[in-house]
Amino acid sequence: MAVARLTYVKARNEWSLGVANSHGDFRRYTPLPTGRLATLLDEIDADPMYAFWG
């Protein structure tokens, strides 16, 4: 089950973070939509908005 999608945006040299909804569709994770890969992975792990791990 996918809970997050990380996409590299070459034009901006940064990563984009998406979160899955209950139907498996992805939307932009608005608290931290783009950034460095390590930062976004930390955000997924911490899950302060309970968006990834419930």
PDB file of N, CA and C in Angstrom:
ATOM      1  N   MET A   1       0.844  -1.182   0.000  1.00  0.00           N
ATOM      2  CA  MET A   1       0.000   0.000   0.000  1.00  0.00           C
ATOM      3  C   MET A   1       0.889   1.245   0.000  1.00  0.00           C
ATOM      4  N   ALA A   2       0.748   2.056  -0.988  1.00  0.00           N
ATOM      5  CA  ALA A   2       1.536   3.285  -1.088  1.00  0.00           C
ATOM      6  C   ALA A   2       0.914   4.373  -0.224  1.00  0.00           C
ATOM      7  N   VAL A   3       1.748   5.052   0.549  1.00  0.00           N
ATOM      8  CA  VAL A   3       1.260   6.142   1.399  1.00  0.00           C
ATOM      9  C   VAL A   3       1.830   7.493   0.974  1.00  0.00           C
ATOM     10  N   ALA A   4       2.917   7.470   0.211  1.00  0.00           N
ATOM     11  CA  ALA A   4       3.564   8.713  -0.221  1.00  0.00           C
ATOM     12  C   ALA A   4       4.184   8.501  -1.596  1.00  0.00           C
ATOM     13  N   ARG A   5       4.322   9.607  -2.310  1.00  0.00           N
ATOM     14  CA  ARG A   5       5.017   9.545  -3.602  1.00  0.00           C
ATOM     15  C   ARG A   5       6.001  10.706  -3.662  1.00  0.00           C
ATOM     16  N   LEU A   6       7.246  10.362  -3.885  1.00  0.00           N
ATOM     17  CA  LEU A   6       8.307  11.360  -4.048  1.00  0.00           C
ATOM     18  C   LEU A   6       8.653  11.427  -5.533  1.00  0.00           C
ATOM     19  N   THR A   7       8.662  12.637  -6.075  1.00  0.00           N
ATOM     20  CA  THR A   7       8.935  12.849  -7.489  1.00  0.00           C
ATOM     21  C   THR A   7      10.032  13.894  -7.620  1.00  0.00           C
ATOM     22  N   TYR A   8      11.049  13.571  -8.413  1.00  0.00           N
ATOM     23  CA  TYR A   8      12.129  14.526  -8.636  1.00  0.00           C
ATOM     24  C   TYR A   8      11.734  15.512  -9.725  1.00  0.00           C
ATOM     25  N   VAL A   9      11.853  16.795  -9.439  1.00  0.00           N
ATOM     26  CA  VAL A   9      11.534  17.865 -10.392  1.00  0.00           C
ATOM     27  C   VAL A   9      12.864  18.427 -10.889  1.00  0.00           C
ATOM     28  N   LYS A  10      13.315  17.929 -12.017  1.00  0.00           N
ATOM     29  CA  LYS A  10      14.635  18.274 -12.541  1.00  0.00           C
ATOM     30  C   LYS A  10      14.794  19.771 -12.803  1.00  0.00           C
ATOM     31  N   ALA A  11      13.757  20.425 -13.315  1.00  0.00           N
ATOM     32  CA  ALA A  11      13.839  21.852 -13.648  1.00  0.00           C
ATOM     33  C   ALA A  11      14.149  22.704 -12.414  1.00  0.00           C
ATOM     34  N   ARG A  12      13.690  22.266 -11.250  1.00  0.00           N
ATOM     35  CA  ARG A  12      13.925  23.030 -10.019  1.00  0.00           C
ATOM     36  C   ARG A  12      14.959  22.374  -9.113  1.00  0.00           C
ATOM     37  N   ASN A  13      15.453  21.206  -9.517  1.00  0.00           N
ATOM     38  CA  ASN A  13      16.450  20.474  -8.743  1.00  0.00           C
ATOM     39  C   ASN A  13      15.976  20.234  -7.304  1.00  0.00           C
ATOM     40  N   GLU A  14      14.730  19.756  -7.172  1.00  0.00           N
ATOM     41  CA  GLU A  14      14.173  19.457  -5.858  1.00  0.00           C
ATOM     42  C   GLU A  14      13.165  18.324  -5.971  1.00  0.00           C
ATOM     43  N   TRP A  15      12.717  17.848  -4.842  1.00  0.00           N
ATOM     44  CA  TRP A  15      11.769  16.753  -4.775  1.00  0.00           C
ATOM     45  C   TRP A  15      10.384  17.278  -4.413  1.00  0.00           C
ATOM     46  N   SER A  16       9.372  16.594  -4.910  1.00  0.00           N
ATOM     47  CA  SER A  16       7.981  16.914  -4.623  1.00  0.00           C
ATOM     48  C   SER A  16       7.398  15.755  -3.816  1.00  0.00           C
ATOM     49  N   LEU A  17       6.536  16.071  -2.847  1.00  0.00           N
ATOM     50  CA  LEU A  17       5.948  15.048  -1.976  1.00  0.00           C
ATOM     51  C   LEU A  17       4.441  15.008  -2.163  1.00  0.00           C
ATOM     52  N   GLY A  18       3.939  13.820  -2.424  1.00  0.00           N
ATOM     53  CA  GLY A  18       2.508  13.610  -2.530  1.00  0.00           C
ATOM     54  C   GLY A  18       2.045  12.614  -1.492  1.00  0.00           C
ATOM     55  N   VAL A  19       0.795  12.724  -1.077  1.00  0.00           N
ATOM     56  CA  VAL A  19       0.209  11.827  -0.088  1.00  0.00           C
ATOM     57  C   VAL A  19      -1.008  11.147  -0.718  1.00  0.00           C
ATOM     58  N   ALA A  20      -1.192   9.869  -0.411  1.00  0.00           N
ATOM     59  CA  ALA A  20      -2.306   9.106  -0.975  1.00  0.00           C
ATOM     60  C   ALA A  20      -3.577   9.349  -0.179  1.00  0.00           C
ATOM     61  N   ASN A  21      -4.704   9.391  -0.897  1.00  0.00           N
ATOM     62  CA  ASN A  21      -5.992   9.461  -0.201  1.00  0.00           C
ATOM     63  C   ASN A  21      -6.546   8.044  -0.067  1.00  0.00           C
ATOM     64  N   SER A  22      -7.747   7.910   0.434  1.00  0.00           N
ATOM     65  CA  SER A  22      -8.322   6.581   0.687  1.00  0.00           C
ATOM     66  C   SER A  22      -8.598   5.794  -0.589  1.00  0.00           C
ATOM     67  N   HIS A  23      -8.613   6.461  -1.738  1.00  0.00           N
ATOM     68  CA  HIS A  23      -8.831   5.793  -3.017  1.00  0.00           C
ATOM     69  C   HIS A  23      -7.524   5.446  -3.728  1.00  0.00           C
ATOM     70  N   GLY A  24      -6.388   5.788  -3.123  1.00  0.00           N
ATOM     71  CA  GLY A  24      -5.095   5.516  -3.730  1.00  0.00           C
ATOM     72  C   GLY A  24      -4.616   6.590  -4.680  1.00  0.00           C
ATOM     73  N   ASP A  25      -5.362   7.684  -4.786  1.00  0.00           N
ATOM     74  CA  ASP A  25      -4.940   8.812  -5.613  1.00  0.00           C
ATOM     75  C   ASP A  25      -4.009   9.704  -4.798  1.00  0.00           C
ATOM     76  N   PHE A  26      -3.089  10.361  -5.477  1.00  0.00           N
ATOM     77  CA  PHE A  26      -2.127  11.212  -4.783  1.00  0.00           C
ATOM     78  C   PHE A  26      -2.462  12.688  -4.968  1.00  0.00           C
ATOM     79  N   ARG A  27      -2.250  13.448  -3.910  1.00  0.00           N
ATOM     80  CA  ARG A  27      -2.381  14.905  -3.962  1.00  0.00           C
ATOM     81  C   ARG A  27      -1.136  15.487  -3.312  1.00  0.00           C
ATOM     82  N   ARG A  28      -0.885  16.728  -3.583  1.00  0.00           N
ATOM     83  CA  ARG A  28       0.288  17.407  -3.034  1.00  0.00           C
ATOM     84  C   ARG A  28       0.160  17.513  -1.511  1.00  0.00           C
ATOM     85  N   TYR A  29       1.223  17.170  -0.814  1.00  0.00           N
ATOM     86  CA  TYR A  29       1.271  17.300   0.641  1.00  0.00           C
ATOM     87  C   TYR A  29       1.578  18.754   0.944  1.00  0.00           C
ATOM     88  N   THR A  30       0.572  19.531   1.340  1.00  0.00           N
ATOM     89  CA  THR A  30       0.704  20.982   1.429  1.00  0.00           C
ATOM     90  C   THR A  30       1.595  21.513   2.549  1.00  0.00           C
ATOM     91  N   PRO A  31       1.711  20.856   3.718  1.00  0.00           N
ATOM     92  CA  PRO A  31       2.602  21.442   4.730  1.00  0.00           C
ATOM     93  C   PRO A  31       4.063  21.550   4.286  1.00  0.00           C
ATOM     94  N   LEU A  32       4.501  20.639   3.431  1.00  0.00           N
ATOM     95  CA  LEU A  32       5.885  20.643   2.946  1.00  0.00           C
ATOM     96  C   LEU A  32       5.889  20.031   1.544  1.00  0.00           C
ATOM     97  N   PRO A  33       5.402  20.749   0.529  1.00  0.00           N
ATOM     98  CA  PRO A  33       5.205  20.145  -0.782  1.00  0.00           C
ATOM     99  C   PRO A  33       6.474  19.829  -1.554  1.00  0.00           C
ATOM    100  N   THR A  34       7.552  20.599  -1.349  1.00  0.00           N
ATOM    101  CA  THR A  34       8.796  20.350  -2.072  1.00  0.00           C
ATOM    102  C   THR A  34       9.985  20.577  -1.151  1.00  0.00           C
ATOM    103  N   GLY A  35      11.132  20.052  -1.571  1.00  0.00           N
ATOM    104  CA  GLY A  35      12.345  20.264  -0.786  1.00  0.00           C
ATOM    105  C   GLY A  35      13.407  19.229  -1.071  1.00  0.00           C
ATOM    106  N   ARG A  36      14.370  19.152  -0.163  1.00  0.00           N
ATOM    107  CA  ARG A  36      15.443  18.164  -0.274  1.00  0.00           C
ATOM    108  C   ARG A  36      14.893  16.783   0.076  1.00  0.00           C
ATOM    109  N   LEU A  37      15.430  15.759  -0.531  1.00  0.00           N
ATOM    110  CA  LEU A  37      14.956  14.395  -0.325  1.00  0.00           C
ATOM    111  C   LEU A  37      15.003  14.010   1.154  1.00  0.00           C
ATOM    112  N   ALA A  38      16.111  14.272   1.821  1.00  0.00           N
ATOM    113  CA  ALA A  38      16.245  13.894   3.233  1.00  0.00           C
ATOM    114  C   ALA A  38      15.187  14.585   4.098  1.00  0.00           C
ATOM    115  N   THR A  39      14.895  15.835   3.793  1.00  0.00           N
ATOM    116  CA  THR A  39      13.888  16.583   4.553  1.00  0.00           C
ATOM    117  C   THR A  39      12.510  15.971   4.374  1.00  0.00           C
ATOM    118  N   LEU A  40      12.174  15.604   3.142  1.00  0.00           N
ATOM    119  CA  LEU A  40      10.863  15.013   2.878  1.00  0.00           C
ATOM    120  C   LEU A  40      10.744  13.627   3.488  1.00  0.00           C
ATOM    121  N   LEU A  41      11.815  12.850   3.468  1.00  0.00           N
ATOM    122  CA  LEU A  41      11.794  11.537   4.117  1.00  0.00           C
ATOM    123  C   LEU A  41      11.613  11.674   5.629  1.00  0.00           C
ATOM    124  N   ASP A  42      12.247  12.664   6.215  1.00  0.00           N
ATOM    125  CA  ASP A  42      12.057  12.931   7.648  1.00  0.00           C
ATOM    126  C   ASP A  42      10.608  13.311   7.942  1.00  0.00           C
ATOM    127  N   GLU A  43      10.002  14.092   7.049  1.00  0.00           N
ATOM    128  CA  GLU A  43       8.603  14.499   7.232  1.00  0.00           C
ATOM    129  C   GLU A  43       7.670  13.286   7.175  1.00  0.00           C
ATOM    130  N   ILE A  44       7.924  12.378   6.241  1.00  0.00           N
ATOM    131  CA  ILE A  44       7.118  11.155   6.144  1.00  0.00           C
ATOM    132  C   ILE A  44       7.279  10.328   7.413  1.00  0.00           C
ATOM    133  N   ASP A  45       8.497  10.200   7.879  1.00  0.00           N
ATOM    134  CA  ASP A  45       8.774   9.408   9.078  1.00  0.00           C
ATOM    135  C   ASP A  45       8.112  10.013  10.318  1.00  0.00           C
ATOM    136  N   ALA A  46       8.222  11.315  10.487  1.00  0.00           N
ATOM    137  CA  ALA A  46       7.653  11.991  11.655  1.00  0.00           C
ATOM    138  C   ALA A  46       6.119  12.052  11.570  1.00  0.00           C
ATOM    139  N   ASP A  47       5.602  12.261  10.369  1.00  0.00           N
ATOM    140  CA  ASP A  47       4.169  12.327  10.097  1.00  0.00           C
ATOM    141  C   ASP A  47       3.401  13.232  11.076  1.00  0.00           C
ATOM    142  N   PRO A  48       3.778  14.516  11.180  1.00  0.00           N
ATOM    143  CA  PRO A  48       3.150  15.398  12.162  1.00  0.00           C
ATOM    144  C   PRO A  48       1.673  15.691  11.874  1.00  0.00           C
ATOM    145  N   MET A  49       1.222  15.512  10.644  1.00  0.00           N
ATOM    146  CA  MET A  49      -0.177  15.778  10.284  1.00  0.00           C
ATOM    147  C   MET A  49      -0.999  14.496  10.227  1.00  0.00           C
ATOM    148  N   TYR A  50      -0.394  13.355  10.556  1.00  0.00           N
ATOM    149  CA  TYR A  50      -1.043  12.041  10.489  1.00  0.00           C
ATOM    150  C   TYR A  50      -1.590  11.737   9.097  1.00  0.00           C
ATOM    151  N   ALA A  51      -0.853  12.172   8.091  1.00  0.00           N
ATOM    152  CA  ALA A  51      -1.283  11.972   6.711  1.00  0.00           C
ATOM    153  C   ALA A  51      -0.791  10.657   6.116  1.00  0.00           C
ATOM    154  N   PHE A  52       0.327  10.145   6.618  1.00  0.00           N
ATOM    155  CA  PHE A  52       0.936   8.956   6.024  1.00  0.00           C
ATOM    156  C   PHE A  52       0.641   7.678   6.809  1.00  0.00           C
ATOM    157  N   TRP A  53       0.766   7.719   8.097  1.00  0.00           N
ATOM    158  CA  TRP A  53       0.634   6.509   8.927  1.00  0.00           C
ATOM    159  C   TRP A  53      -0.615   6.524   9.793  1.00  0.00           C
ATOM    160  N   GLY A  54      -1.455   7.538   9.625  1.00  0.00           N
ATOM    161  CA  GLY A  54      -2.737   7.593  10.343  1.00  0.00           C
ATOM    162  C   GLY A  54      -2.557   8.000  11.718  1.00  0.00           C
TER     163      GLY A  54
END
